[in-house]
Amino acid sequence: MTKEEDMDNDKARSIVAAGKAHGQGGVIRLLLAYCAGREPDPRAWLTHIQGLAERKT
């Protein structure tokens, strides 16, 4: 895993944790905010986030 992938995974975990703290829809709102500045194709990042969220539960 590259350093950039490591940073992406850390960011994804923090988005999931922060989103859960903000209640229903929190992960999606934070995801969209992050994607607006980082990811040209939000669907790729959404898939990554969903995978992390599923592994956590």
PDB file of N, CA and C in Angstrom:
ATOM      1  N   MET A   1       0.848  -1.173   0.000  1.00  0.00           N
ATOM      2  CA  MET A   1       0.000   0.000   0.000  1.00  0.00           C
ATOM      3  C   MET A   1       0.898   1.244   0.000  1.00  0.00           C
ATOM      4  N   THR A   2       0.573   2.200  -0.861  1.00  0.00           N
ATOM      5  CA  THR A   2       1.365   3.422  -0.933  1.00  0.00           C
ATOM      6  C   THR A   2       0.995   4.363   0.208  1.00  0.00           C
ATOM      7  N   LYS A   3       1.847   5.356   0.398  1.00  0.00           N
ATOM      8  CA  LYS A   3       1.567   6.343   1.448  1.00  0.00           C
ATOM      9  C   LYS A   3       0.262   7.084   1.157  1.00  0.00           C
ATOM     10  N   GLU A   4      -0.001   7.383  -0.121  1.00  0.00           N
ATOM     11  CA  GLU A   4      -1.240   8.081  -0.485  1.00  0.00           C
ATOM     12  C   GLU A   4      -2.460   7.213  -0.180  1.00  0.00           C
ATOM     13  N   GLU A   5      -2.378   5.914  -0.477  1.00  0.00           N
ATOM     14  CA  GLU A   5      -3.492   5.008  -0.167  1.00  0.00           C
ATOM     15  C   GLU A   5      -3.711   4.933   1.341  1.00  0.00           C
ATOM     16  N   ASP A   6      -2.619   4.918   2.083  1.00  0.00           N
ATOM     17  CA  ASP A   6      -2.702   4.910   3.544  1.00  0.00           C
ATOM     18  C   ASP A   6      -3.425   6.152   4.055  1.00  0.00           C
ATOM     19  N   MET A   7      -3.069   7.299   3.488  1.00  0.00           N
ATOM     20  CA  MET A   7      -3.714   8.551   3.889  1.00  0.00           C
ATOM     21  C   MET A   7      -5.187   8.542   3.505  1.00  0.00           C
ATOM     22  N   ASP A   8      -5.509   8.012   2.323  1.00  0.00           N
ATOM     23  CA  ASP A   8      -6.907   7.908   1.900  1.00  0.00           C
ATOM     24  C   ASP A   8      -7.698   7.023   2.849  1.00  0.00           C
ATOM     25  N   ASN A   9      -7.110   5.911   3.264  1.00  0.00           N
ATOM     26  CA  ASN A   9      -7.798   5.005   4.188  1.00  0.00           C
ATOM     27  C   ASN A   9      -8.038   5.677   5.536  1.00  0.00           C
ATOM     28  N   ASP A  10      -7.036   6.411   6.022  1.00  0.00           N
ATOM     29  CA  ASP A  10      -7.204   7.138   7.283  1.00  0.00           C
ATOM     30  C   ASP A  10      -8.310   8.175   7.164  1.00  0.00           C
ATOM     31  N   LYS A  11      -8.324   8.896   6.044  1.00  0.00           N
ATOM     32  CA  LYS A  11      -9.349   9.921   5.827  1.00  0.00           C
ATOM     33  C   LYS A  11     -10.727   9.264   5.741  1.00  0.00           C
ATOM     34  N   ALA A  12     -10.808   8.133   5.058  1.00  0.00           N
ATOM     35  CA  ALA A  12     -12.085   7.428   4.929  1.00  0.00           C
ATOM     36  C   ALA A  12     -12.600   6.993   6.296  1.00  0.00           C
ATOM     37  N   ARG A  13     -11.719   6.464   7.129  1.00  0.00           N
ATOM     38  CA  ARG A  13     -12.132   6.039   8.471  1.00  0.00           C
ATOM     39  C   ARG A  13     -12.633   7.228   9.287  1.00  0.00           C
ATOM     40  N   SER A  14     -11.939   8.360   9.176  1.00  0.00           N
ATOM     41  CA  SER A  14     -12.368   9.520   9.952  1.00  0.00           C
ATOM     42  C   SER A  14     -13.690  10.075   9.433  1.00  0.00           C
ATOM     43  N   ILE A  15     -13.926  10.002   8.116  1.00  0.00           N
ATOM     44  CA  ILE A  15     -15.206  10.447   7.555  1.00  0.00           C
ATOM     45  C   ILE A  15     -16.332   9.558   8.065  1.00  0.00           C
ATOM     46  N   VAL A  16     -16.110   8.250   8.069  1.00  0.00           N
ATOM     47  CA  VAL A  16     -17.135   7.315   8.552  1.00  0.00           C
ATOM     48  C   VAL A  16     -17.425   7.582  10.028  1.00  0.00           C
ATOM     49  N   ALA A  17     -16.389   7.736  10.834  1.00  0.00           N
ATOM     50  CA  ALA A  17     -16.580   7.973  12.268  1.00  0.00           C
ATOM     51  C   ALA A  17     -17.287   9.303  12.515  1.00  0.00           C
ATOM     52  N   ALA A  18     -16.856  10.348  11.837  1.00  0.00           N
ATOM     53  CA  ALA A  18     -17.483  11.661  12.017  1.00  0.00           C
ATOM     54  C   ALA A  18     -18.919  11.641  11.516  1.00  0.00           C
ATOM     55  N   GLY A  19     -19.149  10.971  10.418  1.00  0.00           N
ATOM     56  CA  GLY A  19     -20.502  10.887   9.866  1.00  0.00           C
ATOM     57  C   GLY A  19     -21.447  10.172  10.800  1.00  0.00           C
ATOM     58  N   LYS A  20     -20.985   9.092  11.422  1.00  0.00           N
ATOM     59  CA  LYS A  20     -21.830   8.368  12.373  1.00  0.00           C
ATOM     60  C   LYS A  20     -22.172   9.254  13.562  1.00  0.00           C
ATOM     61  N   ALA A  21     -21.238  10.105  13.963  1.00  0.00           N
ATOM     62  CA  ALA A  21     -21.488  11.016  15.078  1.00  0.00           C
ATOM     63  C   ALA A  21     -22.529  12.072  14.714  1.00  0.00           C
ATOM     64  N   HIS A  22     -22.676  12.367  13.418  1.00  0.00           N
ATOM     65  CA  HIS A  22     -23.635  13.373  12.968  1.00  0.00           C
ATOM     66  C   HIS A  22     -24.991  12.767  12.620  1.00  0.00           C
ATOM     67  N   GLY A  23     -25.158  11.483  12.835  1.00  0.00           N
ATOM     68  CA  GLY A  23     -26.455  10.854  12.605  1.00  0.00           C
ATOM     69  C   GLY A  23     -26.701  10.485  11.150  1.00  0.00           C
ATOM     70  N   GLN A  24     -27.947  10.164  10.854  1.00  0.00           N
ATOM     71  CA  GLN A  24     -28.332   9.678   9.534  1.00  0.00           C
ATOM     72  C   GLN A  24     -27.949  10.689   8.456  1.00  0.00           C
ATOM     73  N   GLY A  25     -27.282  10.209   7.435  1.00  0.00           N
ATOM     74  CA  GLY A  25     -26.871  11.064   6.329  1.00  0.00           C
ATOM     75  C   GLY A  25     -25.553  11.777   6.572  1.00  0.00           C
ATOM     76  N   GLY A  26     -25.012  11.674   7.766  1.00  0.00           N
ATOM     77  CA  GLY A  26     -23.769  12.378   8.086  1.00  0.00           C
ATOM     78  C   GLY A  26     -22.594  11.927   7.245  1.00  0.00           C
ATOM     79  N   VAL A  27     -22.471  10.624   7.036  1.00  0.00           N
ATOM     80  CA  VAL A  27     -21.365  10.103   6.233  1.00  0.00           C
ATOM     81  C   VAL A  27     -21.461  10.640   4.815  1.00  0.00           C
ATOM     82  N   ILE A  28     -22.665  10.641   4.255  1.00  0.00           N
ATOM     83  CA  ILE A  28     -22.845  11.111   2.880  1.00  0.00           C
ATOM     84  C   ILE A  28     -22.505  12.596   2.768  1.00  0.00           C
ATOM     85  N   ARG A  29     -22.954  13.415   3.719  1.00  0.00           N
ATOM     86  CA  ARG A  29     -22.646  14.856   3.668  1.00  0.00           C
ATOM     87  C   ARG A  29     -21.142  15.092   3.737  1.00  0.00           C
ATOM     88  N   LEU A  30     -20.472  14.406   4.653  1.00  0.00           N
ATOM     89  CA  LEU A  30     -19.028  14.584   4.774  1.00  0.00           C
ATOM     90  C   LEU A  30     -18.299  14.030   3.558  1.00  0.00           C
ATOM     91  N   LEU A  31     -18.795  12.930   3.025  1.00  0.00           N
ATOM     92  CA  LEU A  31     -18.205  12.339   1.826  1.00  0.00           C
ATOM     93  C   LEU A  31     -18.285  13.308   0.656  1.00  0.00           C
ATOM     94  N   LEU A  32     -19.449  13.901   0.451  1.00  0.00           N
ATOM     95  CA  LEU A  32     -19.623  14.838  -0.661  1.00  0.00           C
ATOM     96  C   LEU A  32     -18.730  16.062  -0.494  1.00  0.00           C
ATOM     97  N   ALA A  33     -18.595  16.542   0.724  1.00  0.00           N
ATOM     98  CA  ALA A  33     -17.721  17.687   0.970  1.00  0.00           C
ATOM     99  C   ALA A  33     -16.271  17.326   0.653  1.00  0.00           C
ATOM    100  N   TYR A  34     -15.862  16.134   1.052  1.00  0.00           N
ATOM    101  CA  TYR A  34     -14.493  15.695   0.789  1.00  0.00           C
ATOM    102  C   TYR A  34     -14.270  15.508  -0.706  1.00  0.00           C
ATOM    103  N   CYS A  35     -15.233  14.890  -1.363  1.00  0.00           N
ATOM    104  CA  CYS A  35     -15.103  14.636  -2.803  1.00  0.00           C
ATOM    105  C   CYS A  35     -15.026  15.934  -3.600  1.00  0.00           C
ATOM    106  N   ALA A  36     -15.722  16.939  -3.157  1.00  0.00           N
ATOM    107  CA  ALA A  36     -15.745  18.207  -3.887  1.00  0.00           C
ATOM    108  C   ALA A  36     -14.341  18.792  -4.028  1.00  0.00           C
ATOM    109  N   GLY A  37     -13.497  18.522  -3.057  1.00  0.00           N
ATOM    110  CA  GLY A  37     -12.146  19.067  -3.114  1.00  0.00           C
ATOM    111  C   GLY A  37     -11.081  18.064  -3.469  1.00  0.00           C
ATOM    112  N   ARG A  38     -11.412  16.805  -3.596  1.00  0.00           N
ATOM    113  CA  ARG A  38     -10.363  15.797  -3.710  1.00  0.00           C
ATOM    114  C   ARG A  38     -10.567  14.820  -4.865  1.00  0.00           C
ATOM    115  N   GLU A  39     -11.772  14.343  -5.043  1.00  0.00           N
ATOM    116  CA  GLU A  39     -11.999  13.212  -5.945  1.00  0.00           C
ATOM    117  C   GLU A  39     -12.810  13.646  -7.155  1.00  0.00           C
ATOM    118  N   PRO A  40     -12.225  13.558  -8.377  1.00  0.00           N
ATOM    119  CA  PRO A  40     -12.970  13.952  -9.564  1.00  0.00           C
ATOM    120  C   PRO A  40     -14.172  13.047  -9.850  1.00  0.00           C
ATOM    121  N   ASP A  41     -14.111  11.794  -9.448  1.00  0.00           N
ATOM    122  CA  ASP A  41     -15.223  10.868  -9.658  1.00  0.00           C
ATOM    123  C   ASP A  41     -15.708  10.367  -8.298  1.00  0.00           C
ATOM    124  N   PRO A  42     -16.722  11.019  -7.716  1.00  0.00           N
ATOM    125  CA  PRO A  42     -17.186  10.652  -6.377  1.00  0.00           C
ATOM    126  C   PRO A  42     -17.616   9.197  -6.252  1.00  0.00           C
ATOM    127  N   ARG A  43     -18.039   8.581  -7.354  1.00  0.00           N
ATOM    128  CA  ARG A  43     -18.490   7.182  -7.271  1.00  0.00           C
ATOM    129  C   ARG A  43     -17.359   6.263  -6.817  1.00  0.00           C
ATOM    130  N   ALA A  44     -16.150   6.520  -7.254  1.00  0.00           N
ATOM    131  CA  ALA A  44     -15.017   5.685  -6.845  1.00  0.00           C
ATOM    132  C   ALA A  44     -14.786   5.807  -5.339  1.00  0.00           C
ATOM    133  N   TRP A  45     -14.841   7.024  -4.836  1.00  0.00           N
ATOM    134  CA  TRP A  45     -14.622   7.235  -3.406  1.00  0.00           C
ATOM    135  C   TRP A  45     -15.779   6.669  -2.598  1.00  0.00           C
ATOM    136  N   LEU A  46     -17.007   6.813  -3.107  1.00  0.00           N
ATOM    137  CA  LEU A  46     -18.183   6.279  -2.424  1.00  0.00           C
ATOM    138  C   LEU A  46     -18.066   4.765  -2.266  1.00  0.00           C
ATOM    139  N   THR A  47     -17.632   4.084  -3.308  1.00  0.00           N
ATOM    140  CA  THR A  47     -17.440   2.636  -3.243  1.00  0.00           C
ATOM    141  C   THR A  47     -16.415   2.290  -2.169  1.00  0.00           C
ATOM    142  N   HIS A  48     -15.337   3.052  -2.112  1.00  0.00           N
ATOM    143  CA  HIS A  48     -14.281   2.829  -1.121  1.00  0.00           C
ATOM    144  C   HIS A  48     -14.827   3.024   0.297  1.00  0.00           C
ATOM    145  N   ILE A  49     -15.572   4.101   0.513  1.00  0.00           N
ATOM    146  CA  ILE A  49     -16.166   4.392   1.824  1.00  0.00           C
ATOM    147  C   ILE A  49     -17.155   3.310   2.237  1.00  0.00           C
ATOM    148  N   GLN A  50     -17.993   2.881   1.305  1.00  0.00           N
ATOM    149  CA  GLN A  50     -18.984   1.851   1.620  1.00  0.00           C
ATOM    150  C   GLN A  50     -18.286   0.562   2.038  1.00  0.00           C
ATOM    151  N   GLY A  51     -17.202   0.218   1.371  1.00  0.00           N
ATOM    152  CA  GLY A  51     -16.442  -0.978   1.732  1.00  0.00           C
ATOM    153  C   GLY A  51     -15.900  -0.887   3.149  1.00  0.00           C
ATOM    154  N   LEU A  52     -15.355   0.274   3.504  1.00  0.00           N
ATOM    155  CA  LEU A  52     -14.838   0.451   4.860  1.00  0.00           C
ATOM    156  C   LEU A  52     -15.959   0.387   5.890  1.00  0.00           C
ATOM    157  N   ALA A  53     -17.082   1.013   5.584  1.00  0.00           N
ATOM    158  CA  ALA A  53     -18.212   1.020   6.518  1.00  0.00           C
ATOM    159  C   ALA A  53     -18.742  -0.394   6.735  1.00  0.00           C
ATOM    160  N   GLU A  54     -18.805  -1.182   5.667  1.00  0.00           N
ATOM    161  CA  GLU A  54     -19.308  -2.555   5.791  1.00  0.00           C
ATOM    162  C   GLU A  54     -18.360  -3.410   6.620  1.00  0.00           C
ATOM    163  N   ARG A  55     -17.056  -3.185   6.490  1.00  0.00           N
ATOM    164  CA  ARG A  55     -16.093  -3.963   7.268  1.00  0.00           C
ATOM    165  C   ARG A  55     -16.150  -3.606   8.742  1.00  0.00           C
ATOM    166  N   LYS A  56     -16.529  -2.364   9.054  1.00  0.00           N
ATOM    167  CA  LYS A  56     -16.609  -1.916  10.449  1.00  0.00           C
ATOM    168  C   LYS A  56     -17.802  -2.498  11.177  1.00  0.00           C
ATOM    169  N   THR A  57     -18.892  -2.778  10.447  1.00  0.00           N
ATOM    170  CA  THR A  57     -20.121  -3.229  11.109  1.00  0.00           C
ATOM    171  C   THR A  57     -20.182  -4.724  11.223  1.00  0.00           C
TER     172      THR A  57
END
